Amino acid sequence: MAQKAVGVGLIGCGTVGSGVVKLLVEQAEWYAQRAGRPIEVRRVLCRAEDVGPHTAQVPEGLLVHDLDAFFDTPDMDIILELAGGTTFAKQVVERALQAGKHVVTANKALLSAHGPELFAVARQNHAAIAFEASCLGGCPVITAMQFNLAANRISAMYGIFNGTCNYILTQMTDQGQAYDEALADAQQLGFAEADPTLDVSGGDTMHKLVILASLAFGARVEEKHVPCEGIDRLELVDIGLGAEMGYEIKLLAIAEQTDAGLTLSVGPCFVHADEPIAQVKSSFNAMSLYGHAVGHTLYYGRGAGQMPTASAVVGDLINLVAGSYGALFENMATWPDQQPAPKLADLDRVTARYYLRVNALDQPGVLARVAEVLGEHGVSIAAVNQHEQSVGQFVSLVVITHEAATGAVRRAADDIAQMDVIDGEPICIRIIDMPEG
């Protein structure tokens, strides 16, 4: 006897939504075999102001513009939320969950801001939220971390979570492009939005770190817990000097479990060029994850784009239809709404190595004065590099520190900036020494 089809409602039919419709229509027979039941799109909601070329992908008779008409559609078991944003999306996700419908979403901003309360609503109504597509697009890190690595305590996570930033940094490193030129190229190729602020400020990366760190460390991580710095102030000179010393620059999302607590941050970092994550180029994403039993695992793939993201959405949908994801969601007590706030380490006391560049007067005794200030703050020097090329009376002086407390390095940099032999603010970039795995 043929299994009854599972009805799906889709909210939002932009780039990703149209990709999902394309997959569900073209691969219907294949997905029915994988899920054990046919999957049918019953209705697509596209607000009138969002109608565009992508809605042409929607089969005739399925498109509506009214929210009540959408939810009045009979036999919709699962809702796919691909509208984006946090206001309208929160409204429709809550309505779906309160009606006992499972939800699949690619909305990292929504889950970063409201994840715990939405997970709680889902649990109260015996529904599930699946969100693989929210973080690294087609790269299945959530499934791997939450289910496949369930035997592990995670000790550290280092991620390249934004393809726009990684493309810009690759162009600056490999092609010598200035930031503005690399950004313009990214926009022309469709890797960056017309307004790239959320990407280049580190905000998009921060949203994803909030979601992933909550799952990895069993804590209710919030946006306020993550210090965030973007790439929009990086200078080509620092990328070049770092490369000369064997480092690649990457915008990294970092979460580390230490004896003092959990450390969380987003910002540009130098990584040794031999490390696998340093070799992730262009618009690709990656995550290095360290488990106490498995050791080091690396996940790599397309972090965005129509079909990679649609792949993750439909993958979640198939697992919900097959019955595996819903049962796991209900039975596992590892979701953010079930966890306490994290114990956070004092970032001022977190130790790391740093790259410190100052524009110093080209005269005897300046290095000694810089070293004296660093020493006063307990920061010791591992290496010094001075380029002969100068700008007026000033030369670039680069100091690589030994491991030092972050707060001490920042305070030393502030004091160095006040010296009469220094021009401008020192540039301070963390150097990441990856754990042995």
Protein backbone atom coordinates (compact mmCIF):
# COMPACT_ATOMS: atom_id res chain seq x y z
CA MET A 1 0.00 0.00 0.00
CA ALA A 2 1.39 3.43 -1.00
CA GLN A 3 2.39 5.71 1.86
CA LYS A 4 0.45 8.96 2.23
CA ALA A 5 2.39 11.99 0.96
CA VAL A 6 3.80 14.50 3.43
CA GLY A 7 2.62 18.04 2.71
CA VAL A 8 5.09 20.91 2.82
CA GLY A 9 4.50 24.66 3.01
CA LEU A 10 7.27 27.03 1.93
CA ILE A 11 7.57 30.59 3.29
CA GLY A 12 9.80 32.77 1.12
CA CYS A 13 10.66 32.10 -2.50
CA GLY A 14 13.85 33.98 -3.15
CA THR A 15 17.14 32.49 -4.24
CA VAL A 16 17.19 29.59 -1.75
CA GLY A 17 13.44 29.01 -1.78
CA SER A 18 13.35 28.63 -5.54
CA GLY A 19 16.26 26.19 -5.28
CA VAL A 20 14.29 24.11 -2.78
CA VAL A 21 11.25 24.05 -5.11
CA LYS A 22 13.49 23.00 -7.99
CA LEU A 23 14.92 20.07 -5.99
CA LEU A 24 11.57 18.91 -4.66
CA VAL A 25 9.98 18.94 -8.12
CA GLU A 26 12.87 17.48 -10.12
CA GLN A 27 13.93 14.84 -7.58
CA ALA A 28 10.50 13.87 -6.23
CA GLU A 29 10.82 10.16 -6.94
CA TRP A 30 14.34 9.92 -5.51
CA TYR A 31 13.38 11.77 -2.34
CA ALA A 32 10.31 9.56 -1.87
CA GLN A 33 12.62 6.53 -1.86
CA ARG A 34 15.00 8.14 0.63
CA ALA A 35 12.27 9.39 2.98
CA GLY A 36 9.98 6.39 2.62
CA ARG A 37 7.06 8.64 1.63
CA PRO A 38 6.34 11.13 -1.15
CA ILE A 39 6.97 14.80 -0.36
CA GLU A 40 4.61 17.33 -1.92
CA VAL A 41 4.74 21.13 -1.88
CA ARG A 42 1.20 22.22 -0.99
CA ARG A 43 1.60 25.99 -0.74
CA VAL A 44 4.23 28.73 -1.18
CA LEU A 45 3.90 32.04 0.65
CA CYS A 46 5.58 35.04 -0.92
CA ARG A 47 4.68 38.47 0.39
CA ALA A 48 3.54 40.74 -2.43
CA GLU A 49 6.52 43.06 -1.96
CA ASP A 50 8.91 40.11 -2.38
CA VAL A 51 7.54 38.84 -5.69
CA GLY A 52 10.36 38.51 -8.22
CA PRO A 53 11.83 36.30 -10.91
CA HIS A 54 12.33 33.37 -8.53
CA THR A 55 8.59 32.93 -8.02
CA ALA A 56 8.37 31.73 -11.62
CA GLN A 57 9.77 28.42 -10.32
CA VAL A 58 6.61 27.82 -8.25
CA PRO A 59 4.14 25.37 -9.85
CA GLU A 60 0.89 26.99 -10.93
CA GLY A 61 -1.74 27.42 -8.25
CA LEU A 62 0.59 27.06 -5.25
CA LEU A 63 1.62 30.71 -4.72
CA VAL A 64 -0.23 32.88 -2.17
CA HIS A 65 0.50 36.30 -0.64
CA ASP A 66 -1.75 36.14 2.42
CA LEU A 67 -0.49 34.57 5.66
CA ASP A 68 -3.89 33.29 6.78
CA ALA A 69 -4.55 31.73 3.37
CA PHE A 70 -1.18 29.99 3.63
CA PHE A 71 -1.86 28.51 7.08
CA ASP A 72 -5.41 27.54 6.11
CA THR A 73 -4.03 25.16 3.50
CA PRO A 74 -4.97 21.60 4.55
CA ASP A 75 -2.48 18.76 5.04
CA MET A 76 0.70 20.81 5.54
CA ASP A 77 2.83 18.84 7.98
CA ILE A 78 6.17 20.67 7.69
CA ILE A 79 6.92 24.38 7.17
CA LEU A 80 10.10 25.58 5.47
CA GLU A 81 10.97 29.11 6.63
CA LEU A 82 13.24 30.81 4.08
CA ALA A 83 12.00 34.39 4.36
CA GLY A 84 14.96 35.70 6.39
CA GLY A 85 14.97 38.47 8.97
CA THR A 86 13.79 38.17 12.55
CA THR A 87 10.40 39.86 12.86
CA PHE A 88 8.13 38.29 10.24
CA ALA A 89 10.13 35.04 10.41
CA LYS A 90 9.65 34.76 14.17
CA GLN A 91 5.92 35.32 13.75
CA VAL A 92 5.48 32.57 11.17
CA VAL A 93 7.78 30.07 12.89
CA GLU A 94 5.92 30.48 16.20
CA ARG A 95 2.58 30.07 14.43
CA ALA A 96 3.76 26.89 12.70
CA LEU A 97 5.17 25.39 15.90
CA GLN A 98 2.06 26.24 17.92
CA ALA A 99 0.06 24.33 15.31
CA GLY A 100 2.29 21.29 15.91
CA LYS A 101 4.08 21.54 12.56
CA HIS A 102 7.79 20.81 12.23
CA VAL A 103 9.91 23.71 10.94
CA VAL A 104 13.00 23.71 8.73
CA THR A 105 14.84 27.04 8.62
CA ALA A 106 18.00 28.53 7.15
CA ASN A 107 17.65 31.65 9.29
CA LYS A 108 20.77 32.12 11.43
CA ALA A 109 19.80 35.64 12.57
CA LEU A 110 16.47 34.33 13.90
CA LEU A 111 18.02 31.42 15.80
CA SER A 112 20.87 33.54 17.14
CA ALA A 113 18.44 36.12 18.55
CA HIS A 114 15.48 33.90 19.52
CA GLY A 115 16.63 30.28 19.30
CA PRO A 116 16.05 29.16 22.91
CA GLU A 117 12.49 30.50 23.10
CA LEU A 118 11.60 28.96 19.72
CA PHE A 119 13.07 25.61 20.74
CA ALA A 120 10.94 25.75 23.89
CA VAL A 121 7.79 26.46 21.83
CA ALA A 122 8.63 23.53 19.59
CA ARG A 123 9.02 21.18 22.53
CA GLN A 124 5.76 22.33 24.12
CA ASN A 125 3.91 21.45 20.91
CA HIS A 126 5.71 18.16 20.14
CA ALA A 127 7.29 19.69 17.05
CA ALA A 128 10.92 19.99 15.93
CA ILE A 129 13.12 22.72 14.45
CA ALA A 130 15.73 21.57 11.90
CA PHE A 131 18.33 24.17 10.94
CA GLU A 132 21.34 22.63 9.21
CA ALA A 133 21.19 25.29 6.48
CA SER A 134 21.48 28.14 9.00
CA CYS A 135 25.21 27.96 9.58
CA LEU A 136 27.48 26.65 6.84
CA GLY A 137 25.02 26.15 4.00
CA GLY A 138 25.75 22.85 2.31
CA CYS A 139 28.45 21.83 4.79
CA PRO A 140 26.70 19.54 7.34
CA VAL A 141 28.34 20.67 10.58
CA ILE A 142 25.25 20.67 12.81
CA THR A 143 24.32 17.09 11.98
CA ALA A 144 27.91 15.97 12.48
CA MET A 145 28.35 17.77 15.77
CA GLN A 146 24.96 17.13 17.34
CA PHE A 147 24.51 13.51 16.32
CA ASN A 148 27.61 11.88 14.78
CA LEU A 149 29.99 13.29 17.40
CA ALA A 150 27.62 12.80 20.33
CA ALA A 151 30.23 10.64 22.10
CA ASN A 152 32.62 13.60 22.36
CA ARG A 153 33.20 16.49 24.69
CA ILE A 154 34.16 19.37 22.43
CA SER A 155 37.20 21.33 23.55
CA ALA A 156 37.60 23.86 20.74
CA MET A 157 36.05 25.15 17.53
CA TYR A 158 37.65 27.38 14.89
CA GLY A 159 35.54 28.38 11.92
CA ILE A 160 35.53 30.29 8.67
CA PHE A 161 31.81 30.93 8.59
CA ASN A 162 31.43 33.71 6.01
CA GLY A 163 32.24 33.20 2.33
CA THR A 164 32.13 36.91 1.53
CA CYS A 165 34.89 37.70 4.00
CA ASN A 166 36.94 34.69 3.02
CA TYR A 167 36.76 35.68 -0.65
CA ILE A 168 37.86 39.26 0.15
CA LEU A 169 40.76 38.06 2.32
CA THR A 170 41.84 35.56 -0.34
CA GLN A 171 41.95 38.33 -2.95
CA MET A 172 43.92 40.59 -0.62
CA THR A 173 46.38 37.80 0.21
CA ASP A 174 46.84 36.09 -3.16
CA GLN A 175 46.22 38.97 -5.58
CA GLY A 176 47.42 41.92 -3.52
CA GLN A 177 44.10 43.71 -3.90
CA ALA A 178 43.18 46.49 -1.52
CA TYR A 179 40.10 45.90 0.64
CA ASP A 180 37.80 48.20 -1.37
CA GLU A 181 38.82 46.58 -4.66
CA ALA A 182 38.35 43.04 -3.32
CA LEU A 183 34.92 43.98 -1.91
CA ALA A 184 33.86 45.43 -5.26
CA ASP A 185 34.90 42.19 -6.98
CA ALA A 186 32.94 40.15 -4.43
CA GLN A 187 29.85 42.26 -5.09
CA GLN A 188 30.21 41.91 -8.87
CA LEU A 189 30.47 38.11 -8.54
CA GLY A 190 27.46 37.89 -6.24
CA PHE A 191 29.50 36.88 -3.16
CA ALA A 192 28.67 40.14 -1.35
CA GLU A 193 25.44 42.08 -0.94
CA ALA A 194 25.03 45.67 -2.12
CA ASP A 195 25.17 46.52 1.61
CA PRO A 196 27.87 44.15 2.91
CA THR A 197 27.86 45.44 6.49
CA LEU A 198 26.52 42.31 8.18
CA ASP A 199 29.20 40.18 6.51
CA VAL A 200 32.30 42.38 6.75
CA SER A 201 31.52 43.56 10.30
CA GLY A 202 31.63 39.94 11.52
CA GLY A 203 27.92 39.99 12.47
CA ASP A 204 26.93 37.10 10.22
CA THR A 205 29.81 35.01 11.57
CA MET A 206 28.79 35.88 15.13
CA HIS A 207 25.21 34.66 14.53
CA LYS A 208 26.53 31.29 13.40
CA LEU A 209 28.97 31.01 16.30
CA VAL A 210 26.13 31.62 18.79
CA ILE A 211 24.19 28.69 17.30
CA LEU A 212 27.11 26.29 16.95
CA ALA A 213 28.76 27.06 20.29
CA SER A 214 25.43 26.50 22.07
CA LEU A 215 25.28 23.00 20.61
CA ALA A 216 28.97 22.17 20.98
CA PHE A 217 29.35 23.20 24.61
CA GLY A 218 25.87 22.56 26.01
CA ALA A 219 25.22 26.16 26.97
CA ARG A 220 22.74 28.90 26.16
CA VAL A 221 25.15 31.18 24.30
CA GLU A 222 23.81 34.64 23.44
CA GLU A 223 25.00 37.35 21.08
CA LYS A 224 26.11 39.52 24.02
CA HIS A 225 28.64 36.82 24.96
CA VAL A 226 30.62 37.17 21.69
CA PRO A 227 33.09 40.05 21.17
CA CYS A 228 33.02 40.76 17.45
CA GLU A 229 35.42 42.49 15.06
CA GLY A 230 35.20 42.51 11.27
CA ILE A 231 37.61 42.76 8.36
CA ASP A 232 36.67 46.25 7.17
CA ARG A 233 39.61 47.89 8.95
CA LEU A 234 42.30 45.46 7.80
CA GLU A 235 45.22 46.91 5.85
CA LEU A 236 47.03 45.23 2.99
CA VAL A 237 50.40 45.92 4.62
CA ASP A 238 49.57 43.65 7.59
CA ILE A 239 48.37 40.82 5.36
CA GLY A 240 51.61 41.04 3.39
CA LEU A 241 53.83 41.18 6.48
CA GLY A 242 51.97 38.23 7.98
CA ALA A 243 52.45 36.23 4.78
CA GLU A 244 56.20 36.92 4.89
CA MET A 245 56.25 35.30 8.34
CA GLY A 246 54.29 32.25 7.17
CA TYR A 247 50.77 33.26 8.23
CA GLU A 248 47.42 33.53 6.46
CA ILE A 249 44.79 36.02 7.62
CA LYS A 250 41.31 34.62 8.27
CA LEU A 251 38.12 35.92 9.87
CA LEU A 252 37.70 33.26 12.55
CA ALA A 253 34.86 32.33 14.83
CA ILE A 254 36.54 30.87 17.93
CA ALA A 255 35.14 28.92 20.86
CA GLU A 256 37.51 27.30 23.35
CA GLN A 257 36.75 25.47 26.57
CA THR A 258 39.35 26.36 29.18
CA ASP A 259 39.71 25.73 32.90
CA ALA A 260 38.60 29.32 33.46
CA GLY A 261 35.49 28.91 31.32
CA LEU A 262 34.34 29.26 27.72
CA THR A 263 36.03 31.82 25.47
CA LEU A 264 34.12 33.14 22.46
CA SER A 265 35.22 35.65 19.82
CA VAL A 266 34.95 36.67 16.18
CA GLY A 267 37.77 38.57 14.52
CA PRO A 268 40.65 38.55 12.03
CA CYS A 269 43.44 36.19 13.07
CA PHE A 270 46.72 34.96 11.69
CA VAL A 271 46.92 31.18 11.20
CA HIS A 272 50.07 29.33 10.18
CA ALA A 273 49.92 28.65 6.43
CA ASP A 274 50.47 24.91 6.97
CA GLU A 275 47.22 24.50 8.93
CA PRO A 276 44.33 23.01 6.90
CA ILE A 277 41.96 25.83 7.81
CA ALA A 278 44.48 28.40 6.55
CA GLN A 279 44.26 26.81 3.10
CA VAL A 280 40.50 27.38 2.77
CA LYS A 281 40.22 29.85 -0.09
CA SER A 282 37.68 31.98 -1.95
CA SER A 283 34.04 31.71 -0.84
CA PHE A 284 34.40 28.32 0.85
CA ASN A 285 33.64 27.81 4.54
CA ALA A 286 35.25 25.42 7.02
CA MET A 287 35.17 24.40 10.66
CA SER A 288 37.88 22.72 12.71
CA LEU A 289 36.38 20.87 15.66
CA TYR A 290 38.28 19.11 18.45
CA GLY A 291 36.64 16.28 20.40
CA HIS A 292 38.19 14.47 23.35
CA ALA A 293 37.72 11.05 21.71
CA VAL A 294 37.81 11.73 17.96
CA GLY A 295 40.54 14.39 18.00
CA HIS A 296 40.61 16.91 15.17
CA THR A 297 37.90 16.86 12.52
CA LEU A 298 37.58 19.33 9.64
CA TYR A 299 34.40 20.22 7.74
CA TYR A 300 34.71 22.02 4.42
CA GLY A 301 32.27 23.10 1.75
CA ARG A 302 30.16 25.78 0.16
CA GLY A 303 28.82 27.94 2.94
CA ALA A 304 26.17 29.73 0.91
CA GLY A 305 24.59 29.90 -2.51
CA GLN A 306 21.30 28.71 -3.91
CA MET A 307 21.82 24.98 -4.33
CA PRO A 308 24.23 24.23 -1.46
CA THR A 309 21.81 25.87 0.98
CA ALA A 310 18.79 24.25 -0.68
CA SER A 311 20.59 20.91 -0.32
CA ALA A 312 20.80 21.39 3.45
CA VAL A 313 17.14 22.44 3.70
CA VAL A 314 15.91 19.43 1.75
CA GLY A 315 18.24 17.13 3.70
CA ASP A 316 16.60 18.26 6.95
CA LEU A 317 13.19 17.83 5.35
CA ILE A 318 13.93 14.24 4.31
CA ASN A 319 15.17 13.36 7.81
CA LEU A 320 12.00 14.81 9.33
CA VAL A 321 9.78 12.88 6.91
CA ALA A 322 11.71 9.68 7.59
CA GLY A 323 11.09 10.16 11.32
CA SER A 324 14.68 10.23 12.55
CA TYR A 325 15.15 13.93 13.24
CA GLY A 326 11.86 14.47 15.07
CA ALA A 327 12.62 11.64 17.49
CA LEU A 328 16.15 12.88 18.13
CA PHE A 329 14.93 16.43 18.71
CA GLU A 330 12.34 15.26 21.26
CA ASN A 331 14.58 12.83 23.13
CA MET A 332 17.97 14.57 23.26
CA ALA A 333 18.42 17.10 26.07
CA THR A 334 21.12 19.08 24.29
CA TRP A 335 19.19 21.96 22.75
CA PRO A 336 19.85 25.57 23.85
CA ASP A 337 16.53 26.03 25.69
CA GLN A 338 17.46 23.14 27.99
CA GLN A 339 20.90 24.48 28.90
CA PRO A 340 22.19 27.08 31.38
CA ALA A 341 24.12 30.19 30.43
CA PRO A 342 27.82 29.44 29.85
CA LYS A 343 30.54 30.05 32.39
CA LEU A 344 32.62 32.59 30.46
CA ALA A 345 36.33 33.08 30.92
CA ASP A 346 37.63 36.60 31.52
CA LEU A 347 38.90 37.52 28.03
CA ASP A 348 41.43 39.93 29.50
CA ARG A 349 43.18 36.92 31.05
CA VAL A 350 43.01 34.62 28.01
CA THR A 351 46.53 34.06 26.73
CA ALA A 352 47.62 34.03 23.10
CA ARG A 353 50.41 35.16 20.83
CA TYR A 354 49.98 38.49 19.03
CA TYR A 355 51.20 40.34 15.96
CA LEU A 356 51.76 43.99 16.85
CA ARG A 357 52.66 46.57 14.18
CA VAL A 358 53.56 50.19 14.93
CA ASN A 359 54.70 53.05 12.71
CA ALA A 360 57.83 54.13 14.53
CA LEU A 361 60.34 56.94 14.01
CA ASP A 362 63.38 55.56 12.22
CA GLN A 363 65.90 56.46 14.92
CA PRO A 364 68.00 54.62 17.52
CA GLY A 365 66.37 53.55 20.78
CA VAL A 366 62.77 53.32 19.56
CA LEU A 367 62.66 49.51 19.65
CA ALA A 368 64.07 49.55 23.17
CA ARG A 369 61.33 51.95 24.29
CA VAL A 370 58.61 49.78 22.71
CA ALA A 371 60.10 46.68 24.35
CA GLU A 372 60.20 48.48 27.70
CA VAL A 373 56.48 49.28 27.55
CA LEU A 374 55.63 45.70 26.60
CA GLY A 375 57.78 44.44 29.47
CA GLU A 376 56.02 46.72 31.94
CA HIS A 377 52.79 44.91 31.05
CA GLY A 378 54.35 41.45 31.26
CA VAL A 379 54.46 40.92 27.49
CA SER A 380 57.66 39.32 26.17
CA ILE A 381 58.90 39.55 22.59
CA ALA A 382 59.43 36.43 20.48
CA ALA A 383 60.51 38.12 17.23
CA VAL A 384 60.93 41.56 15.68
CA ASN A 385 60.75 42.55 12.01
CA GLN A 386 61.53 46.05 10.69
CA HIS A 387 61.09 46.93 7.04
CA GLU A 388 63.50 49.41 5.48
CA GLN A 389 60.68 50.92 3.40
CA SER A 390 59.48 54.03 5.18
CA VAL A 391 56.63 56.51 5.06
CA GLY A 392 58.25 59.86 5.72
CA GLN A 393 60.21 59.53 8.94
CA PHE A 394 58.37 56.39 10.03
CA VAL A 395 58.97 52.68 9.42
CA SER A 396 56.81 49.65 10.14
CA LEU A 397 58.02 47.82 13.21
CA VAL A 398 56.43 44.40 13.75
CA VAL A 399 56.63 42.58 17.07
CA ILE A 400 55.53 38.98 17.56
CA THR A 401 54.85 38.29 21.22
CA HIS A 402 55.16 35.13 23.25
CA GLU A 403 51.90 33.99 24.83
CA ALA A 404 50.53 36.84 26.90
CA ALA A 405 47.27 37.86 28.50
CA THR A 406 45.02 39.57 25.96
CA GLY A 407 44.25 42.44 28.30
CA ALA A 408 47.95 43.06 28.93
CA VAL A 409 48.66 43.21 25.19
CA ARG A 410 45.78 45.65 24.61
CA ARG A 411 46.89 47.91 27.45
CA ALA A 412 50.47 47.86 26.22
CA ALA A 413 49.29 48.80 22.72
CA ASP A 414 47.32 51.71 24.19
CA ASP A 415 50.42 52.97 26.04
CA ILE A 416 52.62 52.57 22.95
CA ALA A 417 50.14 54.68 20.96
CA GLN A 418 50.81 57.58 23.36
CA MET A 419 54.58 57.57 22.71
CA ASP A 420 55.95 60.59 20.85
CA VAL A 421 57.96 58.30 18.52
CA ILE A 422 54.85 56.40 17.31
CA ASP A 423 52.49 57.53 14.57
CA GLY A 424 48.86 56.40 14.81
CA GLU A 425 47.31 53.41 16.56
CA PRO A 426 49.19 50.08 16.80
CA ILE A 427 47.67 47.20 14.83
CA CYS A 428 47.07 44.16 17.02
CA ILE A 429 46.10 40.77 15.51
CA ARG A 430 45.85 37.47 17.37
CA ILE A 431 47.98 34.55 16.16
CA ILE A 432 46.17 31.22 16.46
CA ASP A 433 48.15 28.16 17.52
CA MET A 434 45.83 25.27 16.69
CA PRO A 435 45.57 22.46 19.26
CA GLU A 436 47.24 19.17 18.54
CA GLY A 437 44.65 16.73 17.32
